[in-house]
Amino acid sequence: MGTIVDSRHLRIAEADLVDRERTDPETGIISSRVLWTDGGQSHCIWQMTPGVLRNVAGPESVALVAGRARVTVHPSEEVFEIAAGDTFVIDADETATWEVLETVRKFYVVNR
């Protein structure tokens, strides 16, 4: 059985987040909040101000709540322009580079 780490109900767009240390963003401030976790699966909220973040490992399922980004999936080198209201998936054997164009806030699920 999973563990509810935070509130069972909150508004994603208004949720307070905690700044995260990340060693490889070229620019941009990253913050997040873990809501639920069970083994290797986590459900979280994540935000990044404009900048670039490389080597985001899959698998990850994303629902973008705010902002706009250009995401490049590796190794295929496919490029996707995503915006608020879009969903996006990174497979287990892929990584992604996020170029955040407008501050992004997303709800995401990872399985590690």
PDB file of N, CA and C in Angstrom:
ATOM      1  N   MET A   1       0.844  -1.182   0.000  1.00  0.00           N
ATOM      2  CA  MET A   1       0.000   0.000   0.000  1.00  0.00           C
ATOM      3  C   MET A   1       0.884   1.239   0.000  1.00  0.00           C
ATOM      4  N   GLY A   2       0.489   2.231  -0.774  1.00  0.00           N
ATOM      5  CA  GLY A   2       1.252   3.467  -0.882  1.00  0.00           C
ATOM      6  C   GLY A   2       1.108   4.355   0.332  1.00  0.00           C
ATOM      7  N   THR A   3       1.890   5.421   0.323  1.00  0.00           N
ATOM      8  CA  THR A   3       1.870   6.377   1.417  1.00  0.00           C
ATOM      9  C   THR A   3       1.485   7.742   0.872  1.00  0.00           C
ATOM     10  N   ILE A   4       0.439   8.336   1.430  1.00  0.00           N
ATOM     11  CA  ILE A   4       0.093   9.709   1.088  1.00  0.00           C
ATOM     12  C   ILE A   4       1.070  10.593   1.846  1.00  0.00           C
ATOM     13  N   VAL A   5       1.950  11.256   1.111  1.00  0.00           N
ATOM     14  CA  VAL A   5       3.008  12.059   1.714  1.00  0.00           C
ATOM     15  C   VAL A   5       2.487  13.435   2.077  1.00  0.00           C
ATOM     16  N   ASP A   6       1.532  13.905   1.325  1.00  0.00           N
ATOM     17  CA  ASP A   6       1.025  15.260   1.493  1.00  0.00           C
ATOM     18  C   ASP A   6      -0.490  15.220   1.447  1.00  0.00           C
ATOM     19  N   SER A   7      -1.110  16.349   1.335  1.00  0.00           N
ATOM     20  CA  SER A   7      -2.559  16.460   1.328  1.00  0.00           C
ATOM     21  C   SER A   7      -3.195  15.546   0.277  1.00  0.00           C
ATOM     22  N   ARG A   8      -4.295  14.937   0.620  1.00  0.00           N
ATOM     23  CA  ARG A   8      -5.040  14.102  -0.327  1.00  0.00           C
ATOM     24  C   ARG A   8      -5.663  14.951  -1.426  1.00  0.00           C
ATOM     25  N   HIS A   9      -5.905  16.220  -1.148  1.00  0.00           N
ATOM     26  CA  HIS A   9      -6.526  17.109  -2.135  1.00  0.00           C
ATOM     27  C   HIS A   9      -5.867  18.477  -2.077  1.00  0.00           C
ATOM     28  N   LEU A  10      -5.452  18.981  -3.228  1.00  0.00           N
ATOM     29  CA  LEU A  10      -4.967  20.358  -3.318  1.00  0.00           C
ATOM     30  C   LEU A  10      -5.065  20.815  -4.765  1.00  0.00           C
ATOM     31  N   ARG A  11      -5.034  22.119  -4.957  1.00  0.00           N
ATOM     32  CA  ARG A  11      -5.078  22.692  -6.299  1.00  0.00           C
ATOM     33  C   ARG A  11      -3.649  22.796  -6.823  1.00  0.00           C
ATOM     34  N   ILE A  12      -3.378  22.090  -7.923  1.00  0.00           N
ATOM     35  CA  ILE A  12      -2.017  22.013  -8.460  1.00  0.00           C
ATOM     36  C   ILE A  12      -1.460  23.402  -8.760  1.00  0.00           C
ATOM     37  N   ALA A  13      -2.262  24.248  -9.371  1.00  0.00           N
ATOM     38  CA  ALA A  13      -1.788  25.573  -9.770  1.00  0.00           C
ATOM     39  C   ALA A  13      -1.443  26.458  -8.575  1.00  0.00           C
ATOM     40  N   GLU A  14      -2.026  26.160  -7.403  1.00  0.00           N
ATOM     41  CA  GLU A  14      -1.822  27.008  -6.229  1.00  0.00           C
ATOM     42  C   GLU A  14      -0.951  26.367  -5.147  1.00  0.00           C
ATOM     43  N   ALA A  15      -0.547  25.127  -5.340  1.00  0.00           N
ATOM     44  CA  ALA A  15       0.192  24.399  -4.301  1.00  0.00           C
ATOM     45  C   ALA A  15       1.553  25.030  -4.051  1.00  0.00           C
ATOM     46  N   ASP A  16       1.912  25.129  -2.769  1.00  0.00           N
ATOM     47  CA  ASP A  16       3.251  25.586  -2.404  1.00  0.00           C
ATOM     48  C   ASP A  16       4.239  24.475  -2.710  1.00  0.00           C
ATOM     49  N   LEU A  17       5.378  24.846  -3.271  1.00  0.00           N
ATOM     50  CA  LEU A  17       6.414  23.883  -3.621  1.00  0.00           C
ATOM     51  C   LEU A  17       7.686  24.207  -2.858  1.00  0.00           C
ATOM     52  N   VAL A  18       8.592  23.237  -2.787  1.00  0.00           N
ATOM     53  CA  VAL A  18       9.866  23.396  -2.092  1.00  0.00           C
ATOM     54  C   VAL A  18      10.978  23.455  -3.135  1.00  0.00           C
ATOM     55  N   ASP A  19      11.850  24.465  -3.035  1.00  0.00           N
ATOM     56  CA  ASP A  19      12.980  24.557  -3.961  1.00  0.00           C
ATOM     57  C   ASP A  19      13.821  23.296  -3.859  1.00  0.00           C
ATOM     58  N   ARG A  20      14.276  22.811  -5.017  1.00  0.00           N
ATOM     59  CA  ARG A  20      15.093  21.595  -5.082  1.00  0.00           C
ATOM     60  C   ARG A  20      16.484  21.923  -5.560  1.00  0.00           C
ATOM     61  N   GLU A  21      17.434  21.242  -4.985  1.00  0.00           N
ATOM     62  CA  GLU A  21      18.791  21.349  -5.519  1.00  0.00           C
ATOM     63  C   GLU A  21      18.890  20.379  -6.681  1.00  0.00           C
ATOM     64  N   ARG A  22      19.455  20.844  -7.758  1.00  0.00           N
ATOM     65  CA  ARG A  22      19.671  19.988  -8.922  1.00  0.00           C
ATOM     66  C   ARG A  22      21.006  20.395  -9.494  1.00  0.00           C
ATOM     67  N   THR A  23      21.881  19.461  -9.724  1.00  0.00           N
ATOM     68  CA  THR A  23      23.241  19.810 -10.099  1.00  0.00           C
ATOM     69  C   THR A  23      23.412  20.166 -11.567  1.00  0.00           C
ATOM     70  N   ASP A  24      22.426  19.840 -12.417  1.00  0.00           N
ATOM     71  CA  ASP A  24      22.664  20.047 -13.831  1.00  0.00           C
ATOM     72  C   ASP A  24      21.729  20.990 -14.583  1.00  0.00           C
ATOM     73  N   PRO A  25      20.891  21.794 -13.931  1.00  0.00           N
ATOM     74  CA  PRO A  25      20.155  22.737 -14.775  1.00  0.00           C
ATOM     75  C   PRO A  25      21.099  23.838 -15.228  1.00  0.00           C
ATOM     76  N   GLU A  26      21.022  24.171 -16.499  1.00  0.00           N
ATOM     77  CA  GLU A  26      21.882  25.247 -17.003  1.00  0.00           C
ATOM     78  C   GLU A  26      21.388  26.590 -16.488  1.00  0.00           C
ATOM     79  N   THR A  27      20.106  26.728 -16.397  1.00  0.00           N
ATOM     80  CA  THR A  27      19.477  27.909 -15.811  1.00  0.00           C
ATOM     81  C   THR A  27      18.116  27.473 -15.316  1.00  0.00           C
ATOM     82  N   GLY A  28      17.447  28.312 -14.605  1.00  0.00           N
ATOM     83  CA  GLY A  28      16.110  27.980 -14.131  1.00  0.00           C
ATOM     84  C   GLY A  28      16.128  27.481 -12.700  1.00  0.00           C
ATOM     85  N   ILE A  29      15.059  27.770 -12.003  1.00  0.00           N
ATOM     86  CA  ILE A  29      14.891  27.341 -10.615  1.00  0.00           C
ATOM     87  C   ILE A  29      13.861  26.223 -10.603  1.00  0.00           C
ATOM     88  N   ILE A  30      14.181  25.143  -9.915  1.00  0.00           N
ATOM     89  CA  ILE A  30      13.309  23.975  -9.860  1.00  0.00           C
ATOM     90  C   ILE A  30      12.730  23.850  -8.463  1.00  0.00           C
ATOM     91  N   SER A  31      11.429  23.572  -8.389  1.00  0.00           N
ATOM     92  CA  SER A  31      10.783  23.290  -7.110  1.00  0.00           C
ATOM     93  C   SER A  31       9.795  22.147  -7.323  1.00  0.00           C
ATOM     94  N   SER A  32       9.443  21.477  -6.226  1.00  0.00           N
ATOM     95  CA  SER A  32       8.566  20.314  -6.364  1.00  0.00           C
ATOM     96  C   SER A  32       7.862  19.999  -5.055  1.00  0.00           C
ATOM     97  N   ARG A  33       6.989  19.003  -5.133  1.00  0.00           N
ATOM     98  CA  ARG A  33       6.258  18.521  -3.966  1.00  0.00           C
ATOM     99  C   ARG A  33       5.832  17.085  -4.250  1.00  0.00           C
ATOM    100  N   VAL A  34       6.221  16.159  -3.396  1.00  0.00           N
ATOM    101  CA  VAL A  34       5.806  14.763  -3.526  1.00  0.00           C
ATOM    102  C   VAL A  34       4.460  14.611  -2.841  1.00  0.00           C
ATOM    103  N   LEU A  35       3.503  13.992  -3.547  1.00  0.00           N
ATOM    104  CA  LEU A  35       2.165  13.810  -2.996  1.00  0.00           C
ATOM    105  C   LEU A  35       1.913  12.387  -2.513  1.00  0.00           C
ATOM    106  N   TRP A  36       2.434  11.419  -3.267  1.00  0.00           N
ATOM    107  CA  TRP A  36       2.183  10.021  -2.968  1.00  0.00           C
ATOM    108  C   TRP A  36       3.357   9.195  -3.444  1.00  0.00           C
ATOM    109  N   THR A  37       3.692   8.139  -2.703  1.00  0.00           N
ATOM    110  CA  THR A  37       4.785   7.282  -3.119  1.00  0.00           C
ATOM    111  C   THR A  37       4.512   5.850  -2.690  1.00  0.00           C
ATOM    112  N   ASP A  38       4.973   4.912  -3.510  1.00  0.00           N
ATOM    113  CA  ASP A  38       4.851   3.488  -3.217  1.00  0.00           C
ATOM    114  C   ASP A  38       5.960   2.774  -3.966  1.00  0.00           C
ATOM    115  N   GLY A  39       6.949   2.272  -3.228  1.00  0.00           N
ATOM    116  CA  GLY A  39       8.080   1.625  -3.875  1.00  0.00           C
ATOM    117  C   GLY A  39       8.775   2.603  -4.801  1.00  0.00           C
ATOM    118  N   GLY A  40       8.889   2.255  -6.072  1.00  0.00           N
ATOM    119  CA  GLY A  40       9.543   3.118  -7.041  1.00  0.00           C
ATOM    120  C   GLY A  40       8.626   4.088  -7.744  1.00  0.00           C
ATOM    121  N   GLN A  41       7.335   4.088  -7.424  1.00  0.00           N
ATOM    122  CA  GLN A  41       6.405   4.995  -8.090  1.00  0.00           C
ATOM    123  C   GLN A  41       6.112   6.204  -7.204  1.00  0.00           C
ATOM    124  N   SER A  42       6.148   7.401  -7.817  1.00  0.00           N
ATOM    125  CA  SER A  42       5.822   8.637  -7.102  1.00  0.00           C
ATOM    126  C   SER A  42       4.914   9.504  -7.950  1.00  0.00           C
ATOM    127  N   HIS A  43       4.010  10.219  -7.288  1.00  0.00           N
ATOM    128  CA  HIS A  43       3.133  11.200  -7.916  1.00  0.00           C
ATOM    129  C   HIS A  43       3.533  12.547  -7.327  1.00  0.00           C
ATOM    130  N   CYS A  44       3.845  13.515  -8.188  1.00  0.00           N
ATOM    131  CA  CYS A  44       4.438  14.763  -7.711  1.00  0.00           C
ATOM    132  C   CYS A  44       3.962  15.964  -8.524  1.00  0.00           C
ATOM    133  N   ILE A  45       4.246  17.144  -7.970  1.00  0.00           N
ATOM    134  CA  ILE A  45       4.101  18.403  -8.693  1.00  0.00           C
ATOM    135  C   ILE A  45       5.508  18.953  -8.857  1.00  0.00           C
ATOM    136  N   TRP A  46       5.803  19.509 -10.011  1.00  0.00           N
ATOM    137  CA  TRP A  46       7.148  20.005 -10.349  1.00  0.00           C
ATOM    138  C   TRP A  46       7.016  21.325 -11.091  1.00  0.00           C
ATOM    139  N   GLN A  47       7.909  22.233 -10.827  1.00  0.00           N
ATOM    140  CA  GLN A  47       7.908  23.526 -11.518  1.00  0.00           C
ATOM    141  C   GLN A  47       9.337  23.909 -11.854  1.00  0.00           C
ATOM    142  N   MET A  48       9.503  24.558 -13.014  1.00  0.00           N
ATOM    143  CA  MET A  48      10.811  25.096 -13.398  1.00  0.00           C
ATOM    144  C   MET A  48      10.615  26.410 -14.121  1.00  0.00           C
ATOM    145  N   THR A  49      11.427  27.400 -13.751  1.00  0.00           N
ATOM    146  CA  THR A  49      11.427  28.685 -14.452  1.00  0.00           C
ATOM    147  C   THR A  49      12.238  28.518 -15.738  1.00  0.00           C
ATOM    148  N   PRO A  50      12.170  29.486 -16.661  1.00  0.00           N
ATOM    149  CA  PRO A  50      12.855  29.324 -17.942  1.00  0.00           C
ATOM    150  C   PRO A  50      14.317  28.923 -17.800  1.00  0.00           C
ATOM    151  N   GLY A  51      14.693  27.956 -18.632  1.00  0.00           N
ATOM    152  CA  GLY A  51      16.040  27.417 -18.632  1.00  0.00           C
ATOM    153  C   GLY A  51      16.054  26.050 -19.278  1.00  0.00           C
ATOM    154  N   VAL A  52      17.158  25.343 -19.124  1.00  0.00           N
ATOM    155  CA  VAL A  52      17.339  24.034 -19.746  1.00  0.00           C
ATOM    156  C   VAL A  52      17.699  23.011 -18.671  1.00  0.00           C
ATOM    157  N   LEU A  53      17.070  21.847 -18.735  1.00  0.00           N
ATOM    158  CA  LEU A  53      17.383  20.738 -17.845  1.00  0.00           C
ATOM    159  C   LEU A  53      17.579  19.498 -18.711  1.00  0.00           C
ATOM    160  N   ARG A  54      18.733  18.881 -18.588  1.00  0.00           N
ATOM    161  CA  ARG A  54      19.083  17.716 -19.413  1.00  0.00           C
ATOM    162  C   ARG A  54      18.994  16.420 -18.606  1.00  0.00           C
ATOM    163  N   ASN A  55      18.934  15.325 -19.353  1.00  0.00           N
ATOM    164  CA  ASN A  55      19.010  13.974 -18.772  1.00  0.00           C
ATOM    165  C   ASN A  55      17.893  13.653 -17.789  1.00  0.00           C
ATOM    166  N   VAL A  56      16.666  14.052 -18.109  1.00  0.00           N
ATOM    167  CA  VAL A  56      15.511  13.670 -17.308  1.00  0.00           C
ATOM    168  C   VAL A  56      15.146  12.250 -17.726  1.00  0.00           C
ATOM    169  N   ALA A  57      15.278  11.305 -16.810  1.00  0.00           N
ATOM    170  CA  ALA A  57      15.098   9.892 -17.122  1.00  0.00           C
ATOM    171  C   ALA A  57      13.641   9.472 -17.087  1.00  0.00           C
ATOM    172  N   GLY A  58      13.277   8.587 -18.006  1.00  0.00           N
ATOM    173  CA  GLY A  58      11.968   7.971 -18.002  1.00  0.00           C
ATOM    174  C   GLY A  58      11.993   6.721 -17.135  1.00  0.00           C
ATOM    175  N   PRO A  59      10.866   6.089 -16.898  1.00  0.00           N
ATOM    176  CA  PRO A  59       9.573   6.470 -17.435  1.00  0.00           C
ATOM    177  C   PRO A  59       8.930   7.582 -16.620  1.00  0.00           C
ATOM    178  N   GLU A  60       8.244   8.447 -17.339  1.00  0.00           N
ATOM    179  CA  GLU A  60       7.551   9.561 -16.709  1.00  0.00           C
ATOM    180  C   GLU A  60       6.315   9.902 -17.531  1.00  0.00           C
ATOM    181  N   SER A  61       5.195  10.082 -16.841  1.00  0.00           N
ATOM    182  CA  SER A  61       3.958  10.553 -17.469  1.00  0.00           C
ATOM    183  C   SER A  61       3.666  11.930 -16.907  1.00  0.00           C
ATOM    184  N   VAL A  62       3.393  12.888 -17.789  1.00  0.00           N
ATOM    185  CA  VAL A  62       3.275  14.299 -17.415  1.00  0.00           C
ATOM    186  C   VAL A  62       1.936  14.866 -17.876  1.00  0.00           C
ATOM    187  N   ALA A  63       1.327  15.693 -17.028  1.00  0.00           N
ATOM    188  CA  ALA A  63       0.204  16.553 -17.422  1.00  0.00           C
ATOM    189  C   ALA A  63       0.653  17.976 -17.108  1.00  0.00           C
ATOM    190  N   LEU A  64       0.815  18.787 -18.154  1.00  0.00           N
ATOM    191  CA  LEU A  64       1.279  20.161 -17.983  1.00  0.00           C
ATOM    192  C   LEU A  64       0.113  21.039 -17.554  1.00  0.00           C
ATOM    193  N   VAL A  65       0.285  21.729 -16.435  1.00  0.00           N
ATOM    194  CA  VAL A  65      -0.764  22.563 -15.860  1.00  0.00           C
ATOM    195  C   VAL A  65      -0.579  24.021 -16.269  1.00  0.00           C
ATOM    196  N   ALA A  66       0.683  24.443 -16.413  1.00  0.00           N
ATOM    197  CA  ALA A  66       0.977  25.834 -16.772  1.00  0.00           C
ATOM    198  C   ALA A  66       2.281  25.870 -17.560  1.00  0.00           C
ATOM    199  N   GLY A  67       2.413  26.893 -18.388  1.00  0.00           N
ATOM    200  CA  GLY A  67       3.672  27.145 -19.066  1.00  0.00           C
ATOM    201  C   GLY A  67       3.803  26.517 -20.432  1.00  0.00           C
ATOM    202  N   ARG A  68       5.045  26.579 -20.928  1.00  0.00           N
ATOM    203  CA  ARG A  68       5.346  26.103 -22.276  1.00  0.00           C
ATOM    204  C   ARG A  68       6.797  25.655 -22.316  1.00  0.00           C
ATOM    205  N   ALA A  69       7.044  24.530 -23.019  1.00  0.00           N
ATOM    206  CA  ALA A  69       8.399  24.000 -23.095  1.00  0.00           C
ATOM    207  C   ALA A  69       8.618  23.291 -24.426  1.00  0.00           C
ATOM    208  N   ARG A  70       9.885  23.159 -24.764  1.00  0.00           N
ATOM    209  CA  ARG A  70      10.310  22.339 -25.903  1.00  0.00           C
ATOM    210  C   ARG A  70      11.053  21.152 -25.294  1.00  0.00           C
ATOM    211  N   VAL A  71      10.565  19.948 -25.583  1.00  0.00           N
ATOM    212  CA  VAL A  71      11.152  18.741 -25.005  1.00  0.00           C
ATOM    213  C   VAL A  71      11.765  17.905 -26.126  1.00  0.00           C
ATOM    214  N   THR A  72      13.045  17.560 -25.968  1.00  0.00           N
ATOM    215  CA  THR A  72      13.724  16.691 -26.918  1.00  0.00           C
ATOM    216  C   THR A  72      13.923  15.336 -26.261  1.00  0.00           C
ATOM    217  N   VAL A  73      13.449  14.289 -26.930  1.00  0.00           N
ATOM    218  CA  VAL A  73      13.542  12.929 -26.408  1.00  0.00           C
ATOM    219  C   VAL A  73      14.776  12.258 -27.005  1.00  0.00           C
ATOM    220  N   HIS A  74      15.547  11.603 -26.139  1.00  0.00           N
ATOM    221  CA  HIS A  74      16.757  10.909 -26.576  1.00  0.00           C
ATOM    222  C   HIS A  74      16.573   9.408 -26.344  1.00  0.00           C
ATOM    223  N   PRO A  75      16.996   8.539 -27.221  1.00  0.00           N
ATOM    224  CA  PRO A  75      17.924   8.786 -28.314  1.00  0.00           C
ATOM    225  C   PRO A  75      17.275   9.142 -29.648  1.00  0.00           C
ATOM    226  N   SER A  76      15.944   9.196 -29.733  1.00  0.00           N
ATOM    227  CA  SER A  76      15.289   9.430 -31.033  1.00  0.00           C
ATOM    228  C   SER A  76      15.483  10.843 -31.567  1.00  0.00           C
ATOM    229  N   GLU A  77      15.763  11.801 -30.668  1.00  0.00           N
ATOM    230  CA  GLU A  77      15.920  13.222 -31.020  1.00  0.00           C
ATOM    231  C   GLU A  77      14.615  13.860 -31.500  1.00  0.00           C
ATOM    232  N   GLU A  78      13.467  13.244 -31.174  1.00  0.00           N
ATOM    233  CA  GLU A  78      12.172  13.853 -31.472  1.00  0.00           C
ATOM    234  C   GLU A  78      12.027  15.108 -30.620  1.00  0.00           C
ATOM    235  N   VAL A  79      11.434  16.160 -31.190  1.00  0.00           N
ATOM    236  CA  VAL A  79      11.237  17.421 -30.480  1.00  0.00           C
ATOM    237  C   VAL A  79       9.739  17.704 -30.414  1.00  0.00           C
ATOM    238  N   PHE A  80       9.267  18.038 -29.204  1.00  0.00           N
ATOM    239  CA  PHE A  80       7.855  18.318 -28.982  1.00  0.00           C
ATOM    240  C   PHE A  80       7.710  19.683 -28.330  1.00  0.00           C
ATOM    241  N   GLU A  81       6.789  20.492 -28.838  1.00  0.00           N
ATOM    242  CA  GLU A  81       6.406  21.750 -28.199  1.00  0.00           C
ATOM    243  C   GLU A  81       5.183  21.417 -27.356  1.00  0.00           C
ATOM    244  N   ILE A  82       5.283  21.603 -26.040  1.00  0.00           N
ATOM    245  CA  ILE A  82       4.155  21.290 -25.173  1.00  0.00           C
ATOM    246  C   ILE A  82       3.752  22.532 -24.388  1.00  0.00           C
ATOM    247  N   ALA A  83       2.463  22.577 -24.035  1.00  0.00           N
ATOM    248  CA  ALA A  83       1.916  23.738 -23.327  1.00  0.00           C
ATOM    249  C   ALA A  83       0.857  23.261 -22.343  1.00  0.00           C
ATOM    250  N   ALA A  84       0.417  24.185 -21.490  1.00  0.00           N
ATOM    251  CA  ALA A  84      -0.605  23.879 -20.491  1.00  0.00           C
ATOM    252  C   ALA A  84      -1.770  23.149 -21.144  1.00  0.00           C
ATOM    253  N   GLY A  85      -2.195  22.064 -20.515  1.00  0.00           N
ATOM    254  CA  GLY A  85      -3.291  21.257 -21.033  1.00  0.00           C
ATOM    255  C   GLY A  85      -2.814  20.027 -21.791  1.00  0.00           C
ATOM    256  N   ASP A  86      -1.509  19.946 -22.100  1.00  0.00           N
ATOM    257  CA  ASP A  86      -0.958  18.803 -22.831  1.00  0.00           C
ATOM    258  C   ASP A  86      -0.509  17.705 -21.869  1.00  0.00           C
ATOM    259  N   THR A  87      -0.497  16.485 -22.391  1.00  0.00           N
ATOM    260  CA  THR A  87       0.123  15.368 -21.687  1.00  0.00           C
ATOM    261  C   THR A  87       1.334  14.933 -22.496  1.00  0.00           C
ATOM    262  N   PHE A  88       2.262  14.256 -21.819  1.00  0.00           N
ATOM    263  CA  PHE A  88       3.507  13.866 -22.453  1.00  0.00           C
ATOM    264  C   PHE A  88       4.059  12.652 -21.726  1.00  0.00           C
ATOM    265  N   VAL A  89       4.663  11.713 -22.475  1.00  0.00           N
ATOM    266  CA  VAL A  89       5.200  10.499 -21.877  1.00  0.00           C
ATOM    267  C   VAL A  89       6.641  10.287 -22.341  1.00  0.00           C
ATOM    268  N   ILE A  90       7.509   9.948 -21.403  1.00  0.00           N
ATOM    269  CA  ILE A  90       8.882   9.542 -21.692  1.00  0.00           C
ATOM    270  C   ILE A  90       8.970   8.070 -21.311  1.00  0.00           C
ATOM    271  N   ASP A  91       9.419   7.226 -22.242  1.00  0.00           N
ATOM    272  CA  ASP A  91       9.497   5.788 -22.013  1.00  0.00           C
ATOM    273  C   ASP A  91      10.675   5.437 -21.099  1.00  0.00           C
ATOM    274  N   ALA A  92      10.686   4.206 -20.609  1.00  0.00           N
ATOM    275  CA  ALA A  92      11.695   3.767 -19.645  1.00  0.00           C
ATOM    276  C   ALA A  92      13.118   3.819 -20.191  1.00  0.00           C
ATOM    277  N   ASP A  93      13.307   3.607 -21.476  1.00  0.00           N
ATOM    278  CA  ASP A  93      14.654   3.583 -22.045  1.00  0.00           C
ATOM    279  C   ASP A  93      15.040   4.916 -22.694  1.00  0.00           C
ATOM    280  N   GLU A  94      14.332   5.970 -22.330  1.00  0.00           N
ATOM    281  CA  GLU A  94      14.580   7.295 -22.907  1.00  0.00           C
ATOM    282  C   GLU A  94      14.980   8.297 -21.825  1.00  0.00           C
ATOM    283  N   THR A  95      15.613   9.370 -22.278  1.00  0.00           N
ATOM    284  CA  THR A  95      15.830  10.545 -21.445  1.00  0.00           C
ATOM    285  C   THR A  95      15.292  11.734 -22.225  1.00  0.00           C
ATOM    286  N   ALA A  96      15.167  12.866 -21.548  1.00  0.00           N
ATOM    287  CA  ALA A  96      14.643  14.058 -22.213  1.00  0.00           C
ATOM    288  C   ALA A  96      15.424  15.284 -21.778  1.00  0.00           C
ATOM    289  N   THR A  97      15.469  16.252 -22.685  1.00  0.00           N
ATOM    290  CA  THR A  97      15.993  17.580 -22.384  1.00  0.00           C
ATOM    291  C   THR A  97      14.809  18.525 -22.406  1.00  0.00           C
ATOM    292  N   TRP A  98      14.616  19.234 -21.305  1.00  0.00           N
ATOM    293  CA  TRP A  98      13.536  20.213 -21.201  1.00  0.00           C
ATOM    294  C   TRP A  98      14.116  21.603 -21.407  1.00  0.00           C
ATOM    295  N   GLU A  99      13.634  22.308 -22.412  1.00  0.00           N
ATOM    296  CA  GLU A  99      13.943  23.726 -22.589  1.00  0.00           C
ATOM    297  C   GLU A  99      12.670  24.473 -22.210  1.00  0.00           C
ATOM    298  N   VAL A 100      12.652  25.008 -21.009  1.00  0.00           N
ATOM    299  CA  VAL A 100      11.466  25.684 -20.501  1.00  0.00           C
ATOM    300  C   VAL A 100      11.433  27.101 -21.059  1.00  0.00           C
ATOM    301  N   LEU A 101      10.377  27.406 -21.808  1.00  0.00           N
ATOM    302  CA  LEU A 101      10.228  28.703 -22.464  1.00  0.00           C
ATOM    303  C   LEU A 101       9.440  29.681 -21.599  1.00  0.00           C
ATOM    304  N   GLU A 102       8.427  29.170 -20.906  1.00  0.00           N
ATOM    305  CA  GLU A 102       7.627  29.924 -19.935  1.00  0.00           C
ATOM    306  C   GLU A 102       7.492  29.017 -18.723  1.00  0.00           C
ATOM    307  N   THR A 103       7.575  29.563 -17.531  1.00  0.00           N
ATOM    308  CA  THR A 103       7.570  28.744 -16.317  1.00  0.00           C
ATOM    309  C   THR A 103       6.548  27.615 -16.420  1.00  0.00           C
ATOM    310  N   VAL A 104       7.038  26.392 -16.221  1.00  0.00           N
ATOM    311  CA  VAL A 104       6.247  25.175 -16.363  1.00  0.00           C
ATOM    312  C   VAL A 104       5.886  24.645 -14.982  1.00  0.00           C
ATOM    313  N   ARG A 105       4.651  24.222 -14.848  1.00  0.00           N
ATOM    314  CA  ARG A 105       4.217  23.472 -13.667  1.00  0.00           C
ATOM    315  C   ARG A 105       3.529  22.235 -14.199  1.00  0.00           C
ATOM    316  N   LYS A 106       3.944  21.083 -13.655  1.00  0.00           N
ATOM    317  CA  LYS A 106       3.375  19.828 -14.153  1.00  0.00           C
ATOM    318  C   LYS A 106       3.032  18.906 -12.979  1.00  0.00           C
ATOM    319  N   PHE A 107       2.042  18.068 -13.221  1.00  0.00           N
ATOM    320  CA  PHE A 107       1.778  16.927 -12.358  1.00  0.00           C
ATOM    321  C   PHE A 107       2.399  15.743 -13.079  1.00  0.00           C
ATOM    322  N   TYR A 108       3.173  14.924 -12.359  1.00  0.00           N
ATOM    323  CA  TYR A 108       3.815  13.810 -13.038  1.00  0.00           C
ATOM    324  C   TYR A 108       3.847  12.565 -12.177  1.00  0.00           C
ATOM    325  N   VAL A 109       3.973  11.436 -12.865  1.00  0.00           N
ATOM    326  CA  VAL A 109       4.109  10.138 -12.229  1.00  0.00           C
ATOM    327  C   VAL A 109       5.366   9.494 -12.781  1.00  0.00           C
ATOM    328  N   VAL A 110       6.235   9.004 -11.893  1.00  0.00           N
ATOM    329  CA  VAL A 110       7.452   8.286 -12.304  1.00  0.00           C
ATOM    330  C   VAL A 110       7.445   6.896 -11.698  1.00  0.00           C
ATOM    331  N   ASN A 111       8.071   5.971 -12.415  1.00  0.00           N
ATOM    332  CA  ASN A 111       8.289   4.598 -11.939  1.00  0.00           C
ATOM    333  C   ASN A 111       9.771   4.323 -12.026  1.00  0.00           C
ATOM    334  N   ARG A 112      10.448   4.260 -10.914  1.00  0.00           N
ATOM    335  CA  ARG A 112      11.892   4.018 -10.923  1.00  0.00           C
ATOM    336  C   ARG A 112      12.193   2.686 -10.288  1.00  0.00           C
TER     337      ARG A 112
END
